[in-house]
Amino acid sequence: MKEKDLSRHVARGDRLIREHVHDPYKTRLKLTEPTVCQQCGAVYHEGRWHWAERPDQAQETLCQACHRTNDGYPAGILTLSGTFVGEHKTEILGLARHQEELEKGEHPLHRIMNIDEQGKVIVINTTDIHLPRRIGEALHNAYEGELDFHYDEESYLIRVSWRRDD
């Protein structure tokens, strides 16, 4: 019996096919244009959501951001902690809201869902993965401190933590 030449065979590794991004709130099909979010009033036009006047004869639906907010299912979680946070809460929250306004002006689906104060810790939940990173970087640039990111690609979630003790 002949020996098999195994040198030609290459190990295949992990054969599990993974989705690149799994966002259960992402619209799978193109919406009919124009479409208006029945809750926030954002307008879907030319393939994306905009802030605009409500067009005549517009279809109505719920945008992804409002859907996430209603379900209480954030895409971004920003945790702020440390003694500095308690002493400068007003300035920190003002900076977070300012970053939200800048981001939301261009991207209507990027919003703060809620802000939860848990003692000396503040948790900001967002409807997207970009806003918590933007707020975290703005805090780090303004006040230094420790900034950490953890992005879970498979569940479309980012956890950002910023801490400063003084």
C-alpha atoms as a PDB file:
ATOM      1  CA  MET A   1       0.000   0.000   0.000  1.00  0.00           C
ATOM      2  CA  LYS A   2       1.310   3.477  -0.906  1.00  0.00           C
ATOM      3  CA  GLU A   3       1.851   6.174   1.717  1.00  0.00           C
ATOM      4  CA  LYS A   4      -0.234   9.286   1.253  1.00  0.00           C
ATOM      5  CA  ASP A   5       1.591  12.541   0.653  1.00  0.00           C
ATOM      6  CA  LEU A   6       0.150  14.818   3.358  1.00  0.00           C
ATOM      7  CA  SER A   7       2.492  17.727   2.611  1.00  0.00           C
ATOM      8  CA  ARG A   8       0.064  19.025  -0.033  1.00  0.00           C
ATOM      9  CA  HIS A   9      -2.779  19.405   2.441  1.00  0.00           C
ATOM     10  CA  VAL A  10      -3.161  22.669   4.273  1.00  0.00           C
ATOM     11  CA  ALA A  11      -4.849  22.943   7.646  1.00  0.00           C
ATOM     12  CA  ARG A  12      -8.184  24.658   7.262  1.00  0.00           C
ATOM     13  CA  GLY A  13      -8.422  26.169  10.733  1.00  0.00           C
ATOM     14  CA  ASP A  14     -11.751  27.481  11.954  1.00  0.00           C
ATOM     15  CA  ARG A  15     -14.473  26.736   9.424  1.00  0.00           C
ATOM     16  CA  LEU A  16     -17.138  28.616  11.332  1.00  0.00           C
ATOM     17  CA  ILE A  17     -18.491  31.398   9.175  1.00  0.00           C
ATOM     18  CA  ARG A  18     -19.155  34.458  11.275  1.00  0.00           C
ATOM     19  CA  GLU A  19     -21.219  37.476  10.472  1.00  0.00           C
ATOM     20  CA  HIS A  20     -19.038  40.550  10.280  1.00  0.00           C
ATOM     21  CA  VAL A  21     -21.484  42.773  12.171  1.00  0.00           C
ATOM     22  CA  HIS A  22     -24.691  41.574  13.745  1.00  0.00           C
ATOM     23  CA  ASP A  23     -26.913  44.562  14.451  1.00  0.00           C
ATOM     24  CA  PRO A  24     -30.485  43.396  15.021  1.00  0.00           C
ATOM     25  CA  TYR A  25     -31.750  46.967  14.599  1.00  0.00           C
ATOM     26  CA  LYS A  26     -30.187  47.639  11.215  1.00  0.00           C
ATOM     27  CA  THR A  27     -32.746  47.915   8.437  1.00  0.00           C
ATOM     28  CA  ARG A  28     -32.238  44.951   6.122  1.00  0.00           C
ATOM     29  CA  LEU A  29     -34.102  46.348   3.126  1.00  0.00           C
ATOM     30  CA  LYS A  30     -34.143  49.791   1.604  1.00  0.00           C
ATOM     31  CA  LEU A  31     -37.056  51.862   2.837  1.00  0.00           C
ATOM     32  CA  THR A  32     -39.572  53.475   0.511  1.00  0.00           C
ATOM     33  CA  GLU A  33     -38.642  57.105  -0.015  1.00  0.00           C
ATOM     34  CA  PRO A  34     -39.533  59.373   1.554  1.00  0.00           C
ATOM     35  CA  THR A  35     -40.061  57.786   4.962  1.00  0.00           C
ATOM     36  CA  VAL A  36     -40.399  59.636   8.263  1.00  0.00           C
ATOM     37  CA  CYS A  37     -39.761  58.307  11.756  1.00  0.00           C
ATOM     38  CA  GLN A  38     -43.086  58.559  13.531  1.00  0.00           C
ATOM     39  CA  GLN A  39     -41.373  59.266  16.856  1.00  0.00           C
ATOM     40  CA  CYS A  40     -38.431  61.647  16.247  1.00  0.00           C
ATOM     41  CA  GLY A  41     -39.334  63.070  12.831  1.00  0.00           C
ATOM     42  CA  ALA A  42     -36.087  62.132  11.038  1.00  0.00           C
ATOM     43  CA  VAL A  43     -36.517  61.723   7.275  1.00  0.00           C
ATOM     44  CA  TYR A  44     -35.123  58.801   5.258  1.00  0.00           C
ATOM     45  CA  HIS A  45     -34.063  60.148   1.868  1.00  0.00           C
ATOM     46  CA  GLU A  46     -31.410  59.094  -0.666  1.00  0.00           C
ATOM     47  CA  GLY A  47     -30.534  56.010   1.355  1.00  0.00           C
ATOM     48  CA  ARG A  48     -29.924  57.610   4.743  1.00  0.00           C
ATOM     49  CA  TRP A  49     -31.622  59.408   7.622  1.00  0.00           C
ATOM     50  CA  HIS A  50     -31.553  63.238   7.698  1.00  0.00           C
ATOM     51  CA  TRP A  51     -33.044  66.033   9.751  1.00  0.00           C
ATOM     52  CA  ALA A  52     -35.415  67.715   7.312  1.00  0.00           C
ATOM     53  CA  GLU A  53     -38.971  68.943   6.949  1.00  0.00           C
ATOM     54  CA  ARG A  54     -41.566  66.238   6.671  1.00  0.00           C
ATOM     55  CA  PRO A  55     -42.262  65.610   2.971  1.00  0.00           C
ATOM     56  CA  ASP A  56     -45.794  65.253   1.651  1.00  0.00           C
ATOM     57  CA  GLN A  57     -47.016  61.680   1.145  1.00  0.00           C
ATOM     58  CA  ALA A  58     -44.234  60.242   3.350  1.00  0.00           C
ATOM     59  CA  GLN A  59     -44.431  56.698   4.690  1.00  0.00           C
ATOM     60  CA  GLU A  60     -44.057  56.297   8.459  1.00  0.00           C
ATOM     61  CA  THR A  61     -41.879  53.886  10.372  1.00  0.00           C
ATOM     62  CA  LEU A  62     -39.713  53.805  13.475  1.00  0.00           C
ATOM     63  CA  CYS A  63     -36.012  54.602  12.912  1.00  0.00           C
ATOM     64  CA  GLN A  64     -33.356  52.336  14.440  1.00  0.00           C
ATOM     65  CA  ALA A  65     -32.438  54.881  17.131  1.00  0.00           C
ATOM     66  CA  CYS A  66     -36.010  55.239  18.378  1.00  0.00           C
ATOM     67  CA  HIS A  67     -36.501  51.477  18.201  1.00  0.00           C
ATOM     68  CA  ARG A  68     -33.353  50.903  20.327  1.00  0.00           C
ATOM     69  CA  THR A  69     -34.413  53.585  22.800  1.00  0.00           C
ATOM     70  CA  ASN A  70     -37.912  52.124  23.170  1.00  0.00           C
ATOM     71  CA  ASP A  71     -36.466  48.636  23.717  1.00  0.00           C
ATOM     72  CA  GLY A  72     -33.766  49.893  26.108  1.00  0.00           C
ATOM     73  CA  TYR A  73     -31.081  48.080  24.079  1.00  0.00           C
ATOM     74  CA  PRO A  74     -27.998  50.318  23.692  1.00  0.00           C
ATOM     75  CA  ALA A  75     -25.255  49.890  21.090  1.00  0.00           C
ATOM     76  CA  GLY A  76     -22.846  51.927  23.203  1.00  0.00           C
ATOM     77  CA  ILE A  77     -22.253  52.043  26.943  1.00  0.00           C
ATOM     78  CA  LEU A  78     -19.986  54.738  28.382  1.00  0.00           C
ATOM     79  CA  THR A  79     -19.065  54.401  32.056  1.00  0.00           C
ATOM     80  CA  LEU A  80     -17.590  57.438  33.828  1.00  0.00           C
ATOM     81  CA  SER A  81     -16.070  56.937  37.266  1.00  0.00           C
ATOM     82  CA  GLY A  82     -13.645  58.332  39.795  1.00  0.00           C
ATOM     83  CA  THR A  83     -13.645  61.172  42.288  1.00  0.00           C
ATOM     84  CA  PHE A  84     -13.237  63.736  39.503  1.00  0.00           C
ATOM     85  CA  VAL A  85     -16.595  62.709  38.013  1.00  0.00           C
ATOM     86  CA  GLY A  86     -18.506  63.480  41.209  1.00  0.00           C
ATOM     87  CA  GLU A  87     -16.820  66.861  41.608  1.00  0.00           C
ATOM     88  CA  HIS A  88     -17.268  67.959  37.972  1.00  0.00           C
ATOM     89  CA  LYS A  89     -20.521  66.213  37.009  1.00  0.00           C
ATOM     90  CA  THR A  90     -22.146  69.308  35.467  1.00  0.00           C
ATOM     91  CA  GLU A  91     -19.188  70.061  33.182  1.00  0.00           C
ATOM     92  CA  ILE A  92     -18.784  66.408  32.174  1.00  0.00           C
ATOM     93  CA  LEU A  93     -22.456  65.969  31.296  1.00  0.00           C
ATOM     94  CA  GLY A  94     -22.393  69.282  29.418  1.00  0.00           C
ATOM     95  CA  LEU A  95     -19.457  68.039  27.350  1.00  0.00           C
ATOM     96  CA  ALA A  96     -21.275  64.747  26.665  1.00  0.00           C
ATOM     97  CA  ARG A  97     -24.445  66.566  25.519  1.00  0.00           C
ATOM     98  CA  HIS A  98     -22.368  68.913  23.341  1.00  0.00           C
ATOM     99  CA  GLN A  99     -20.694  65.940  21.623  1.00  0.00           C
ATOM    100  CA  GLU A 100     -24.114  64.379  21.098  1.00  0.00           C
ATOM    101  CA  GLU A 101     -25.414  67.540  19.421  1.00  0.00           C
ATOM    102  CA  LEU A 102     -22.391  67.675  17.093  1.00  0.00           C
ATOM    103  CA  GLU A 103     -22.753  64.013  16.149  1.00  0.00           C
ATOM    104  CA  LYS A 104     -26.545  64.054  15.896  1.00  0.00           C
ATOM    105  CA  GLY A 105     -26.479  67.035  13.524  1.00  0.00           C
ATOM    106  CA  GLU A 106     -24.778  64.894  10.865  1.00  0.00           C
ATOM    107  CA  HIS A 107     -26.088  61.477  11.927  1.00  0.00           C
ATOM    108  CA  PRO A 108     -29.664  61.518  13.305  1.00  0.00           C
ATOM    109  CA  LEU A 109     -29.388  57.923  14.531  1.00  0.00           C
ATOM    110  CA  HIS A 110     -26.446  58.694  16.870  1.00  0.00           C
ATOM    111  CA  ARG A 111     -28.041  59.747  20.161  1.00  0.00           C
ATOM    112  CA  ILE A 112     -27.821  59.442  23.906  1.00  0.00           C
ATOM    113  CA  MET A 113     -30.598  57.118  25.067  1.00  0.00           C
ATOM    114  CA  ASN A 114     -30.294  57.854  28.769  1.00  0.00           C
ATOM    115  CA  ILE A 115     -27.907  58.910  31.503  1.00  0.00           C
ATOM    116  CA  ASP A 116     -27.982  56.857  34.690  1.00  0.00           C
ATOM    117  CA  GLU A 117     -26.240  58.142  37.811  1.00  0.00           C
ATOM    118  CA  GLN A 118     -25.288  55.312  40.142  1.00  0.00           C
ATOM    119  CA  GLY A 119     -23.613  57.016  43.087  1.00  0.00           C
ATOM    120  CA  LYS A 120     -20.188  58.235  41.920  1.00  0.00           C
ATOM    121  CA  VAL A 121     -20.537  56.413  38.597  1.00  0.00           C
ATOM    122  CA  ILE A 122     -22.344  57.780  35.547  1.00  0.00           C
ATOM    123  CA  VAL A 123     -23.462  55.437  32.768  1.00  0.00           C
ATOM    124  CA  ILE A 124     -24.404  56.904  29.388  1.00  0.00           C
ATOM    125  CA  ASN A 125     -26.209  54.582  26.968  1.00  0.00           C
ATOM    126  CA  THR A 126     -26.223  55.443  23.265  1.00  0.00           C
ATOM    127  CA  THR A 127     -27.963  54.253  20.123  1.00  0.00           C
ATOM    128  CA  ASP A 128     -24.741  53.737  18.165  1.00  0.00           C
ATOM    129  CA  ILE A 129     -21.108  52.702  18.608  1.00  0.00           C
ATOM    130  CA  HIS A 130     -19.482  55.973  17.521  1.00  0.00           C
ATOM    131  CA  LEU A 131     -20.902  58.450  20.040  1.00  0.00           C
ATOM    132  CA  PRO A 132     -19.524  56.834  23.239  1.00  0.00           C
ATOM    133  CA  ARG A 133     -16.058  56.738  21.713  1.00  0.00           C
ATOM    134  CA  ARG A 134     -16.371  60.390  20.674  1.00  0.00           C
ATOM    135  CA  ILE A 135     -17.498  61.434  24.162  1.00  0.00           C
ATOM    136  CA  GLY A 136     -14.757  59.338  25.807  1.00  0.00           C
ATOM    137  CA  GLU A 137     -12.065  60.887  23.605  1.00  0.00           C
ATOM    138  CA  ALA A 138     -13.401  64.396  24.270  1.00  0.00           C
ATOM    139  CA  LEU A 139     -13.271  63.742  28.030  1.00  0.00           C
ATOM    140  CA  HIS A 140      -9.767  62.342  27.745  1.00  0.00           C
ATOM    141  CA  ASN A 141      -8.596  65.349  25.703  1.00  0.00           C
ATOM    142  CA  ALA A 142     -10.196  67.838  28.087  1.00  0.00           C
ATOM    143  CA  TYR A 143      -9.466  66.229  31.462  1.00  0.00           C
ATOM    144  CA  GLU A 144      -6.955  63.409  30.785  1.00  0.00           C
ATOM    145  CA  GLY A 145      -7.662  60.333  32.915  1.00  0.00           C
ATOM    146  CA  GLU A 146      -7.786  56.682  31.853  1.00  0.00           C
ATOM    147  CA  LEU A 147      -9.739  55.769  28.711  1.00  0.00           C
ATOM    148  CA  ASP A 148     -10.509  52.190  27.675  1.00  0.00           C
ATOM    149  CA  PHE A 149     -12.513  50.726  24.745  1.00  0.00           C
ATOM    150  CA  HIS A 150     -13.944  47.264  24.265  1.00  0.00           C
ATOM    151  CA  TYR A 151     -15.734  46.612  20.975  1.00  0.00           C
ATOM    152  CA  ASP A 152     -17.723  43.417  20.537  1.00  0.00           C
ATOM    153  CA  GLU A 153     -18.038  43.084  16.780  1.00  0.00           C
ATOM    154  CA  GLU A 154     -20.417  40.149  16.832  1.00  0.00           C
ATOM    155  CA  SER A 155     -23.058  41.869  18.939  1.00  0.00           C
ATOM    156  CA  TYR A 156     -22.547  45.435  17.617  1.00  0.00           C
ATOM    157  CA  LEU A 157     -21.708  46.845  21.047  1.00  0.00           C
ATOM    158  CA  ILE A 158     -18.972  49.098  22.375  1.00  0.00           C
ATOM    159  CA  ARG A 159     -18.130  49.577  26.035  1.00  0.00           C
ATOM    160  CA  VAL A 160     -16.099  52.672  26.818  1.00  0.00           C
ATOM    161  CA  SER A 161     -14.866  53.512  30.278  1.00  0.00           C
ATOM    162  CA  TRP A 162     -13.267  56.759  31.403  1.00  0.00           C
ATOM    163  CA  ARG A 163     -11.886  57.228  34.894  1.00  0.00           C
ATOM    164  CA  ARG A 164     -10.114  59.979  36.708  1.00  0.00           C
ATOM    165  CA  ASP A 165      -9.293  60.180  40.391  1.00  0.00           C
ATOM    166  CA  ASP A 166      -8.075  63.408  41.981  1.00  0.00           C
END
